[in-house]
C-alpha atoms as a PDB file:
ATOM      1  CA  UNK A   1     -20.833  23.631   5.254  1.00  0.00           C
ATOM      2  CA  UNK A   2     -18.354  20.891   7.113  1.00  0.00           C
ATOM      3  CA  UNK A   3     -14.217  21.976   6.064  1.00  0.00           C
ATOM      4  CA  UNK A   4     -12.007  19.945   4.654  1.00  0.00           C
ATOM      5  CA  UNK A   5      -8.900  18.879   7.069  1.00  0.00           C
ATOM      6  CA  UNK A   6      -6.297  20.697   6.250  1.00  0.00           C
ATOM      7  CA  UNK A   7      -3.398  18.075   6.307  1.00  0.00           C
ATOM      8  CA  UNK A   8      -4.107  14.518   4.758  1.00  0.00           C
ATOM      9  CA  UNK A   9      -2.685  12.924   8.097  1.00  0.00           C
ATOM     10  CA  UNK A  10      -5.981  14.103   9.924  1.00  0.00           C
ATOM     11  CA  UNK A  11      -8.525  12.959   7.634  1.00  0.00           C
ATOM     12  CA  UNK A  12      -9.069   9.925  10.920  1.00  0.00           C
ATOM     13  CA  UNK A  13      -9.995  12.738  13.597  1.00  0.00           C
ATOM     14  CA  UNK A  14     -11.950  14.070  11.310  1.00  0.00           C
ATOM     15  CA  UNK A  15     -14.306  11.252  10.848  1.00  0.00           C
ATOM     16  CA  UNK A  16     -14.274  10.626  13.471  1.00  0.00           C
ATOM     17  CA  UNK A  17     -15.721  13.856  15.399  1.00  0.00           C
ATOM     18  CA  UNK A  18     -18.435  13.308  12.621  1.00  0.00           C
ATOM     19  CA  UNK A  19     -19.056  10.004  13.511  1.00  0.00           C
ATOM     20  CA  UNK A  20     -19.083  10.582  17.271  1.00  0.00           C
ATOM     21  CA  UNK A  21     -21.451  13.949  16.624  1.00  0.00           C
ATOM     22  CA  UNK A  22     -23.554  11.543  15.089  1.00  0.00           C
ATOM     23  CA  UNK A  23     -23.865  13.255  12.538  1.00  0.00           C
ATOM     24  CA  UNK A  24     -23.480  11.911   8.672  1.00  0.00           C
ATOM     25  CA  UNK A  25     -23.307  14.591   6.765  1.00  0.00           C
ATOM     26  CA  UNK A  26     -20.192  15.708   8.507  1.00  0.00           C
ATOM     27  CA  UNK A  27     -19.173  12.063   7.739  1.00  0.00           C
ATOM     28  CA  UNK A  28     -19.747  13.210   3.782  1.00  0.00           C
ATOM     29  CA  UNK A  29     -18.874  16.064   3.175  1.00  0.00           C
ATOM     30  CA  UNK A  30     -15.103  14.997   3.502  1.00  0.00           C
ATOM     31  CA  UNK A  31     -15.553  12.643   0.540  1.00  0.00           C
ATOM     32  CA  UNK A  32     -15.756  13.853  -3.591  1.00  0.00           C
ATOM     33  CA  UNK A  33     -19.355  13.682  -4.905  1.00  0.00           C
ATOM     34  CA  UNK A  34     -18.258  10.327  -6.312  1.00  0.00           C
ATOM     35  CA  UNK A  35     -15.806   8.490  -3.626  1.00  0.00           C
ATOM     36  CA  UNK A  36     -16.338   4.859  -3.530  1.00  0.00           C
ATOM     37  CA  UNK A  37     -16.371   3.789   1.166  1.00  0.00           C
ATOM     38  CA  UNK A  38     -16.327  -0.449   1.307  1.00  0.00           C
ATOM     39  CA  UNK A  39     -17.112  -1.604   4.794  1.00  0.00           C
ATOM     40  CA  UNK A  40     -16.153  -3.745   6.382  1.00  0.00           C
ATOM     41  CA  UNK A  41     -17.885  -6.869   5.114  1.00  0.00           C
ATOM     42  CA  UNK A  42     -17.526  -5.668   1.354  1.00  0.00           C
ATOM     43  CA  UNK A  43     -20.242  -3.115   1.457  1.00  0.00           C
ATOM     44  CA  UNK A  44     -20.237   0.019  -1.751  1.00  0.00           C
ATOM     45  CA  UNK A  45     -21.241   2.691  -1.982  1.00  0.00           C
ATOM     46  CA  UNK A  46     -20.456   4.982  -4.282  1.00  0.00           C
ATOM     47  CA  UNK A  47     -20.744   7.749  -3.881  1.00  0.00           C
ATOM     48  CA  UNK A  48     -21.175  10.498  -1.387  1.00  0.00           C
ATOM     49  CA  UNK A  49     -24.642  10.341  -0.954  1.00  0.00           C
ATOM     50  CA  UNK A  50     -24.917   6.904  -0.634  1.00  0.00           C
ATOM     51  CA  UNK A  51     -22.170   7.197   1.968  1.00  0.00           C
ATOM     52  CA  UNK A  52     -24.152   9.723   3.768  1.00  0.00           C
ATOM     53  CA  UNK A  53     -27.167   6.954   4.073  1.00  0.00           C
ATOM     54  CA  UNK A  54     -25.402   4.783   4.766  1.00  0.00           C
ATOM     55  CA  UNK A  55     -24.204   6.941   7.774  1.00  0.00           C
ATOM     56  CA  UNK A  56     -27.132   8.079   9.068  1.00  0.00           C
ATOM     57  CA  UNK A  57     -28.737   4.741   8.962  1.00  0.00           C
ATOM     58  CA  UNK A  58     -25.902   2.714  10.575  1.00  0.00           C
ATOM     59  CA  UNK A  59     -24.935   5.673  13.227  1.00  0.00           C
ATOM     60  CA  UNK A  60     -29.087   6.389  14.107  1.00  0.00           C
ATOM     61  CA  UNK A  61     -29.407   2.884  14.460  1.00  0.00           C
ATOM     62  CA  UNK A  62     -27.195  -0.410  15.572  1.00  0.00           C
ATOM     63  CA  UNK A  63     -24.216   2.605  16.017  1.00  0.00           C
ATOM     64  CA  UNK A  64     -26.420   5.357  17.153  1.00  0.00           C
ATOM     65  CA  UNK A  65     -24.166   4.946  20.973  1.00  0.00           C
ATOM     66  CA  UNK A  66     -20.746   3.987  19.729  1.00  0.00           C
ATOM     67  CA  UNK A  67     -17.745   5.345  20.133  1.00  0.00           C
ATOM     68  CA  UNK A  68     -14.660   5.236  17.605  1.00  0.00           C
ATOM     69  CA  UNK A  69     -11.457   6.464  18.528  1.00  0.00           C
ATOM     70  CA  UNK A  70      -9.155   7.182  16.497  1.00  0.00           C
ATOM     71  CA  UNK A  71      -5.483   5.722  17.045  1.00  0.00           C
ATOM     72  CA  UNK A  72      -2.025   5.639  14.966  1.00  0.00           C
ATOM     73  CA  UNK A  73      -2.365   7.170  11.696  1.00  0.00           C
ATOM     74  CA  UNK A  74       0.152   6.568   8.745  1.00  0.00           C
ATOM     75  CA  UNK A  75       0.169   9.104   5.795  1.00  0.00           C
ATOM     76  CA  UNK A  76       1.859   8.733   2.438  1.00  0.00           C
ATOM     77  CA  UNK A  77       2.444  11.377   0.388  1.00  0.00           C
ATOM     78  CA  UNK A  78       1.898  10.365  -3.141  1.00  0.00           C
ATOM     79  CA  UNK A  79       3.187  13.820  -4.803  1.00  0.00           C
ATOM     80  CA  UNK A  80       1.740  17.208  -3.462  1.00  0.00           C
ATOM     81  CA  UNK A  81      -2.004  16.284  -4.215  1.00  0.00           C
ATOM     82  CA  UNK A  82      -2.963  13.078  -3.185  1.00  0.00           C
ATOM     83  CA  UNK A  83      -1.897  10.699  -0.153  1.00  0.00           C
ATOM     84  CA  UNK A  84      -3.196   7.545   1.658  1.00  0.00           C
ATOM     85  CA  UNK A  85      -3.748   7.789   4.761  1.00  0.00           C
ATOM     86  CA  UNK A  86      -4.177   4.409   7.525  1.00  0.00           C
ATOM     87  CA  UNK A  87      -5.567   4.417  10.242  1.00  0.00           C
ATOM     88  CA  UNK A  88      -5.529   1.962  13.352  1.00  0.00           C
ATOM     89  CA  UNK A  89      -9.247   2.993  15.287  1.00  0.00           C
ATOM     90  CA  UNK A  90     -11.152   1.044  18.323  1.00  0.00           C
ATOM     91  CA  UNK A  91     -14.400   0.439  18.032  1.00  0.00           C
ATOM     92  CA  UNK A  92     -17.125   0.184  21.186  1.00  0.00           C
ATOM     93  CA  UNK A  93     -20.179   0.451  22.017  1.00  0.00           C
ATOM     94  CA  UNK A  94     -22.032  -0.981  19.007  1.00  0.00           C
ATOM     95  CA  UNK A  95     -25.278  -2.775  19.698  1.00  0.00           C
ATOM     96  CA  UNK A  96     -25.765  -5.819  18.659  1.00  0.00           C
ATOM     97  CA  UNK A  97     -28.912  -7.270  17.083  1.00  0.00           C
ATOM     98  CA  UNK A  98     -30.876  -8.560  20.801  1.00  0.00           C
ATOM     99  CA  UNK A  99     -30.658  -4.896  21.558  1.00  0.00           C
ATOM    100  CA  UNK A 100     -27.577  -5.387  24.072  1.00  0.00           C
ATOM    101  CA  UNK A 101     -23.777  -4.134  23.637  1.00  0.00           C
ATOM    102  CA  UNK A 102     -21.473  -6.018  20.928  1.00  0.00           C
ATOM    103  CA  UNK A 103     -18.003  -6.419  21.950  1.00  0.00           C
ATOM    104  CA  UNK A 104     -15.977  -4.243  21.303  1.00  0.00           C
ATOM    105  CA  UNK A 105     -13.415  -3.923  17.987  1.00  0.00           C
ATOM    106  CA  UNK A 106     -10.130  -2.694  15.858  1.00  0.00           C
ATOM    107  CA  UNK A 107      -9.245  -2.073  12.332  1.00  0.00           C
ATOM    108  CA  UNK A 108      -8.305  -0.046   9.697  1.00  0.00           C
ATOM    109  CA  UNK A 109      -9.199   2.603   8.042  1.00  0.00           C
ATOM    110  CA  UNK A 110      -7.907   3.283   5.071  1.00  0.00           C
ATOM    111  CA  UNK A 111      -8.591   6.790   3.015  1.00  0.00           C
ATOM    112  CA  UNK A 112      -7.217   7.285  -0.210  1.00  0.00           C
ATOM    113  CA  UNK A 113      -7.479  11.807  -0.366  1.00  0.00           C
ATOM    114  CA  UNK A 114      -6.908  14.368  -3.343  1.00  0.00           C
ATOM    115  CA  UNK A 115      -5.662  18.423  -1.851  1.00  0.00           C
ATOM    116  CA  UNK A 116      -8.316  20.247  -3.556  1.00  0.00           C
ATOM    117  CA  UNK A 117      -9.452  24.407  -2.866  1.00  0.00           C
ATOM    118  CA  UNK A 118     -10.809  23.246   0.540  1.00  0.00           C
ATOM    119  CA  UNK A 119      -8.242  21.176   1.834  1.00  0.00           C
ATOM    120  CA  UNK A 120      -8.055  17.329   2.076  1.00  0.00           C
ATOM    121  CA  UNK A 121     -11.365  15.069   0.351  1.00  0.00           C
ATOM    122  CA  UNK A 122     -11.089  11.365  -0.091  1.00  0.00           C
ATOM    123  CA  UNK A 123     -12.471   9.546  -3.249  1.00  0.00           C
ATOM    124  CA  UNK A 124     -11.634   6.499  -1.168  1.00  0.00           C
ATOM    125  CA  UNK A 125     -12.343   4.507   2.027  1.00  0.00           C
ATOM    126  CA  UNK A 126     -12.104   1.160   3.159  1.00  0.00           C
ATOM    127  CA  UNK A 127     -12.724  -0.685   6.345  1.00  0.00           C
ATOM    128  CA  UNK A 128     -11.181  -4.052   7.548  1.00  0.00           C
ATOM    129  CA  UNK A 129     -11.625  -5.137  11.141  1.00  0.00           C
ATOM    130  CA  UNK A 130      -8.353  -6.577  13.218  1.00  0.00           C
ATOM    131  CA  UNK A 131      -8.988 -10.467  13.672  1.00  0.00           C
ATOM    132  CA  UNK A 132      -6.996 -11.239  16.308  1.00  0.00           C
ATOM    133  CA  UNK A 133      -4.317 -14.846  15.717  1.00  0.00           C
ATOM    134  CA  UNK A 134      -5.866 -15.079  12.075  1.00  0.00           C
ATOM    135  CA  UNK A 135      -4.372 -14.309   8.666  1.00  0.00           C
ATOM    136  CA  UNK A 136      -7.489 -15.073   6.658  1.00  0.00           C
ATOM    137  CA  UNK A 137     -10.938 -16.152   5.899  1.00  0.00           C
ATOM    138  CA  UNK A 138     -12.435 -19.582   4.908  1.00  0.00           C
ATOM    139  CA  UNK A 139     -16.060 -20.065   3.498  1.00  0.00           C
ATOM    140  CA  UNK A 140     -17.260 -23.705   5.127  1.00  0.00           C
ATOM    141  CA  UNK A 141     -20.707 -23.757   3.670  1.00  0.00           C
ATOM    142  CA  UNK A 142     -21.433 -19.876   3.239  1.00  0.00           C
ATOM    143  CA  UNK A 143     -20.109 -18.976   6.290  1.00  0.00           C
ATOM    144  CA  UNK A 144     -17.042 -17.740   7.031  1.00  0.00           C
ATOM    145  CA  UNK A 145     -14.383 -17.822   9.833  1.00  0.00           C
ATOM    146  CA  UNK A 146     -11.332 -16.457  10.785  1.00  0.00           C
ATOM    147  CA  UNK A 147      -7.906 -18.995  10.069  1.00  0.00           C
ATOM    148  CA  UNK A 148      -4.083 -18.603  11.290  1.00  0.00           C
ATOM    149  CA  UNK A 149      -1.811 -21.259   8.820  1.00  0.00           C
ATOM    150  CA  UNK A 150       0.340 -20.597  11.328  1.00  0.00           C
ATOM    151  CA  UNK A 151      -0.741 -23.319  13.853  1.00  0.00           C
ATOM    152  CA  UNK A 152      -1.444 -27.038  13.603  1.00  0.00           C
END
């Protein structure tokens, strides 16, 4: 069984290590049985088994050659036994639908974690893409596109 991180700020590196090993079981083991994970397009997995299935599929297919690099990590303790951990990351090597390599992208993973006897366990996570030069998304005829209202 995967060991849980000793400190909440170690969660992003444990997540990336499991990702790079293409080990969906180890990745999911970082999460509580009833954890939530919202991915970059808003798909919401509501337990560890669903998180493992989704990541297993992705890591075997379009993320099979991807590289996940952890950047800045910021931890905010919410008392002694709960924390919010934000992590910048860079993802490269994703396969595009036509089979070539998709371009690299950056994002922020947000984790809410609790202390358990074995270490720190994630109860909720959300993945957000960083879209340079954009403030929000605009829906035009069912197509979302990044928008910056600060420029004319």
